[in-house]
Amino acid sequence: MPDTATLLAAAADQQGPGDTLRIVLAASMVGAVLLAWFLLRGYRDNDHND
């Protein structure tokens, strides 16, 4: 029968996609902000279009 400490150590290694999901969400938020800035800066009116 496996040792209890070995089973707990194996279970601790499999905690799911928590860190990866956090990194993906943070990168997508930064990307969305940069995309919005890039798209919206074209709508500025600097009065240089005469």
PDB file of N, CA and C in Angstrom:
ATOM      1  N   MET A   1       0.847  -1.185   0.000  1.00  0.00           N
ATOM      2  CA  MET A   1       0.000   0.000   0.000  1.00  0.00           C
ATOM      3  C   MET A   1       0.888   1.243   0.000  1.00  0.00           C
ATOM      4  N   PRO A   2       0.562   2.241  -0.836  1.00  0.00           N
ATOM      5  CA  PRO A   2       1.400   3.444  -0.903  1.00  0.00           C
ATOM      6  C   PRO A   2       1.356   4.241   0.399  1.00  0.00           C
ATOM      7  N   ASP A   3       2.426   4.929   0.636  1.00  0.00           N
ATOM      8  CA  ASP A   3       2.542   5.758   1.827  1.00  0.00           C
ATOM      9  C   ASP A   3       1.629   6.981   1.693  1.00  0.00           C
ATOM     10  N   THR A   4       1.060   7.457   2.788  1.00  0.00           N
ATOM     11  CA  THR A   4       0.152   8.601   2.772  1.00  0.00           C
ATOM     12  C   THR A   4       0.869   9.876   2.321  1.00  0.00           C
ATOM     13  N   ALA A   5       2.103  10.050   2.737  1.00  0.00           N
ATOM     14  CA  ALA A   5       2.860  11.233   2.346  1.00  0.00           C
ATOM     15  C   ALA A   5       3.111  11.251   0.845  1.00  0.00           C
ATOM     16  N   THR A   6       3.321  10.089   0.256  1.00  0.00           N
ATOM     17  CA  THR A   6       3.529  10.004  -1.187  1.00  0.00           C
ATOM     18  C   THR A   6       2.257  10.384  -1.934  1.00  0.00           C
ATOM     19  N   LEU A   7       1.103   9.933  -1.445  1.00  0.00           N
ATOM     20  CA  LEU A   7      -0.170  10.280  -2.077  1.00  0.00           C
ATOM     21  C   LEU A   7      -0.456  11.775  -1.968  1.00  0.00           C
ATOM     22  N   LEU A   8      -0.154  12.372  -0.818  1.00  0.00           N
ATOM     23  CA  LEU A   8      -0.384  13.810  -0.642  1.00  0.00           C
ATOM     24  C   LEU A   8       0.546  14.636  -1.529  1.00  0.00           C
ATOM     25  N   ALA A   9       1.776  14.179  -1.678  1.00  0.00           N
ATOM     26  CA  ALA A   9       2.721  14.892  -2.533  1.00  0.00           C
ATOM     27  C   ALA A   9       2.290  14.812  -3.988  1.00  0.00           C
ATOM     28  N   ALA A  10       1.774  13.669  -4.405  1.00  0.00           N
ATOM     29  CA  ALA A  10       1.294  13.514  -5.784  1.00  0.00           C
ATOM     30  C   ALA A  10       0.056  14.378  -6.021  1.00  0.00           C
ATOM     31  N   ALA A  11      -0.809  14.487  -5.032  1.00  0.00           N
ATOM     32  CA  ALA A  11      -2.013  15.310  -5.177  1.00  0.00           C
ATOM     33  C   ALA A  11      -1.663  16.792  -5.197  1.00  0.00           C
ATOM     34  N   ALA A  12      -0.615  17.186  -4.496  1.00  0.00           N
ATOM     35  CA  ALA A  12      -0.219  18.596  -4.461  1.00  0.00           C
ATOM     36  C   ALA A  12       0.363  19.043  -5.793  1.00  0.00           C
ATOM     37  N   ASP A  13       0.923  18.129  -6.563  1.00  0.00           N
ATOM     38  CA  ASP A  13       1.488  18.487  -7.858  1.00  0.00           C
ATOM     39  C   ASP A  13       0.413  18.723  -8.909  1.00  0.00           C
ATOM     40  N   GLN A  14      -0.775  18.225  -8.696  1.00  0.00           N
ATOM     41  CA  GLN A  14      -1.846  18.326  -9.690  1.00  0.00           C
ATOM     42  C   GLN A  14      -2.928  19.277  -9.201  1.00  0.00           C
ATOM     43  N   GLN A  15      -2.636  20.569  -9.239  1.00  0.00           N
ATOM     44  CA  GLN A  15      -3.603  21.537  -8.736  1.00  0.00           C
ATOM     45  C   GLN A  15      -4.364  22.236  -9.844  1.00  0.00           C
ATOM     46  N   GLY A  16      -4.219  21.818 -11.071  1.00  0.00           N
ATOM     47  CA  GLY A  16      -4.993  22.396 -12.153  1.00  0.00           C
ATOM     48  C   GLY A  16      -4.294  23.572 -12.801  1.00  0.00           C
ATOM     49  N   PRO A  17      -5.025  24.263 -13.668  1.00  0.00           N
ATOM     50  CA  PRO A  17      -4.429  25.320 -14.488  1.00  0.00           C
ATOM     51  C   PRO A  17      -4.465  26.700 -13.826  1.00  0.00           C
ATOM     52  N   GLY A  18      -4.359  26.789 -12.529  1.00  0.00           N
ATOM     53  CA  GLY A  18      -4.513  28.059 -11.829  1.00  0.00           C
ATOM     54  C   GLY A  18      -3.526  29.127 -12.256  1.00  0.00           C
ATOM     55  N   ASP A  19      -2.227  28.837 -12.189  1.00  0.00           N
ATOM     56  CA  ASP A  19      -1.218  29.832 -12.542  1.00  0.00           C
ATOM     57  C   ASP A  19      -1.248  30.156 -14.023  1.00  0.00           C
ATOM     58  N   THR A  20      -1.393  29.136 -14.845  1.00  0.00           N
ATOM     59  CA  THR A  20      -1.437  29.348 -16.295  1.00  0.00           C
ATOM     60  C   THR A  20      -2.643  30.192 -16.680  1.00  0.00           C
ATOM     61  N   LEU A  21      -3.775  29.901 -16.087  1.00  0.00           N
ATOM     62  CA  LEU A  21      -4.990  30.665 -16.380  1.00  0.00           C
ATOM     63  C   LEU A  21      -4.837  32.116 -15.959  1.00  0.00           C
ATOM     64  N   ARG A  22      -4.207  32.362 -14.819  1.00  0.00           N
ATOM     65  CA  ARG A  22      -3.966  33.733 -14.372  1.00  0.00           C
ATOM     66  C   ARG A  22      -3.082  34.497 -15.345  1.00  0.00           C
ATOM     67  N   ILE A  23      -2.043  33.837 -15.833  1.00  0.00           N
ATOM     68  CA  ILE A  23      -1.126  34.485 -16.782  1.00  0.00           C
ATOM     69  C   ILE A  23      -1.843  34.783 -18.089  1.00  0.00           C
ATOM     70  N   VAL A  24      -2.635  33.836 -18.582  1.00  0.00           N
ATOM     71  CA  VAL A  24      -3.369  34.043 -19.837  1.00  0.00           C
ATOM     72  C   VAL A  24      -4.374  35.182 -19.695  1.00  0.00           C
ATOM     73  N   LEU A  25      -5.085  35.241 -18.576  1.00  0.00           N
ATOM     74  CA  LEU A  25      -6.058  36.313 -18.363  1.00  0.00           C
ATOM     75  C   LEU A  25      -5.379  37.676 -18.263  1.00  0.00           C
ATOM     76  N   ALA A  26      -4.264  37.751 -17.548  1.00  0.00           N
ATOM     77  CA  ALA A  26      -3.552  39.026 -17.422  1.00  0.00           C
ATOM     78  C   ALA A  26      -3.014  39.478 -18.777  1.00  0.00           C
ATOM     79  N   ALA A  27      -2.459  38.555 -19.551  1.00  0.00           N
ATOM     80  CA  ALA A  27      -1.928  38.914 -20.872  1.00  0.00           C
ATOM     81  C   ALA A  27      -3.043  39.350 -21.812  1.00  0.00           C
ATOM     82  N   SER A  28      -4.197  38.704 -21.731  1.00  0.00           N
ATOM     83  CA  SER A  28      -5.297  39.095 -22.612  1.00  0.00           C
ATOM     84  C   SER A  28      -5.860  40.459 -22.220  1.00  0.00           C
ATOM     85  N   MET A  29      -5.868  40.777 -20.944  1.00  0.00           N
ATOM     86  CA  MET A  29      -6.334  42.104 -20.523  1.00  0.00           C
ATOM     87  C   MET A  29      -5.381  43.191 -21.006  1.00  0.00           C
ATOM     88  N   VAL A  30      -4.085  42.953 -20.863  1.00  0.00           N
ATOM     89  CA  VAL A  30      -3.103  43.924 -21.354  1.00  0.00           C
ATOM     90  C   VAL A  30      -3.225  44.059 -22.865  1.00  0.00           C
ATOM     91  N   GLY A  31      -3.405  42.959 -23.557  1.00  0.00           N
ATOM     92  CA  GLY A  31      -3.575  42.997 -25.005  1.00  0.00           C
ATOM     93  C   GLY A  31      -4.830  43.752 -25.412  1.00  0.00           C
ATOM     94  N   ALA A  32      -5.920  43.577 -24.678  1.00  0.00           N
ATOM     95  CA  ALA A  32      -7.158  44.289 -24.989  1.00  0.00           C
ATOM     96  C   ALA A  32      -6.992  45.790 -24.791  1.00  0.00           C
ATOM     97  N   VAL A  33      -6.282  46.182 -23.745  1.00  0.00           N
ATOM     98  CA  VAL A  33      -6.043  47.609 -23.505  1.00  0.00           C
ATOM     99  C   VAL A  33      -5.182  48.200 -24.613  1.00  0.00           C
ATOM    100  N   LEU A  34      -4.138  47.486 -25.002  1.00  0.00           N
ATOM    101  CA  LEU A  34      -3.282  47.985 -26.084  1.00  0.00           C
ATOM    102  C   LEU A  34      -4.027  48.053 -27.410  1.00  0.00           C
ATOM    103  N   LEU A  35      -4.865  47.070 -27.699  1.00  0.00           N
ATOM    104  CA  LEU A  35      -5.646  47.089 -28.928  1.00  0.00           C
ATOM    105  C   LEU A  35      -6.637  48.242 -28.922  1.00  0.00           C
ATOM    106  N   ALA A  36      -7.303  48.476 -27.791  1.00  0.00           N
ATOM    107  CA  ALA A  36      -8.242  49.592 -27.695  1.00  0.00           C
ATOM    108  C   ALA A  36      -7.519  50.920 -27.869  1.00  0.00           C
ATOM    109  N   TRP A  37      -6.344  51.059 -27.276  1.00  0.00           N
ATOM    110  CA  TRP A  37      -5.578  52.295 -27.431  1.00  0.00           C
ATOM    111  C   TRP A  37      -5.184  52.500 -28.888  1.00  0.00           C
ATOM    112  N   PHE A  38      -4.731  51.446 -29.544  1.00  0.00           N
ATOM    113  CA  PHE A  38      -4.301  51.549 -30.931  1.00  0.00           C
ATOM    114  C   PHE A  38      -5.469  51.912 -31.845  1.00  0.00           C
ATOM    115  N   LEU A  39      -6.637  51.308 -31.619  1.00  0.00           N
ATOM    116  CA  LEU A  39      -7.788  51.591 -32.469  1.00  0.00           C
ATOM    117  C   LEU A  39      -8.396  52.961 -32.190  1.00  0.00           C
ATOM    118  N   LEU A  40      -8.447  53.339 -30.925  1.00  0.00           N
ATOM    119  CA  LEU A  40      -9.102  54.593 -30.578  1.00  0.00           C
ATOM    120  C   LEU A  40      -8.235  55.820 -30.844  1.00  0.00           C
ATOM    121  N   ARG A  41      -6.925  55.650 -30.947  1.00  0.00           N
ATOM    122  CA  ARG A  41      -6.087  56.821 -31.215  1.00  0.00           C
ATOM    123  C   ARG A  41      -6.303  57.356 -32.610  1.00  0.00           C
ATOM    124  N   GLY A  42      -6.881  56.569 -33.492  1.00  0.00           N
ATOM    125  CA  GLY A  42      -7.207  57.036 -34.837  1.00  0.00           C
ATOM    126  C   GLY A  42      -8.397  57.971 -34.860  1.00  0.00           C
ATOM    127  N   TYR A  43      -9.187  58.010 -33.802  1.00  0.00           N
ATOM    128  CA  TYR A  43     -10.359  58.872 -33.736  1.00  0.00           C
ATOM    129  C   TYR A  43     -10.058  60.232 -33.131  1.00  0.00           C
ATOM    130  N   ARG A  44      -8.808  60.483 -32.771  1.00  0.00           N
ATOM    131  CA  ARG A  44      -8.443  61.792 -32.234  1.00  0.00           C
ATOM    132  C   ARG A  44      -8.587  62.858 -33.309  1.00  0.00           C
ATOM    133  N   ASP A  45      -8.967  64.034 -32.907  1.00  0.00           N
ATOM    134  CA  ASP A  45      -9.079  65.144 -33.846  1.00  0.00           C
ATOM    135  C   ASP A  45      -8.053  66.195 -33.424  1.00  0.00           C
ATOM    136  N   ASN A  46      -6.976  66.300 -34.163  1.00  0.00           N
ATOM    137  CA  ASN A  46      -5.912  67.246 -33.843  1.00  0.00           C
ATOM    138  C   ASN A  46      -5.980  68.507 -34.676  1.00  0.00           C
ATOM    139  N   ASP A  47      -7.004  68.677 -35.497  1.00  0.00           N
ATOM    140  CA  ASP A  47      -7.170  69.826 -36.381  1.00  0.00           C
ATOM    141  C   ASP A  47      -6.006  69.959 -37.352  1.00  0.00           C
ATOM    142  N   HIS A  48      -5.396  68.850 -37.734  1.00  0.00           N
ATOM    143  CA  HIS A  48      -4.336  68.880 -38.734  1.00  0.00           C
ATOM    144  C   HIS A  48      -4.822  68.306 -40.052  1.00  0.00           C
ATOM    145  N   ASN A  49      -6.137  68.187 -40.212  1.00  0.00           N
ATOM    146  CA  ASN A  49      -6.701  67.581 -41.417  1.00  0.00           C
ATOM    147  C   ASN A  49      -7.143  68.621 -42.437  1.00  0.00           C
ATOM    148  N   ASP A  50      -6.707  69.854 -42.318  1.00  0.00           N
ATOM    149  CA  ASP A  50      -7.183  70.915 -43.224  1.00  0.00           C
ATOM    150  C   ASP A  50      -6.634  70.730 -44.594  1.00  0.00           C
TER     151      ASP A  50
END
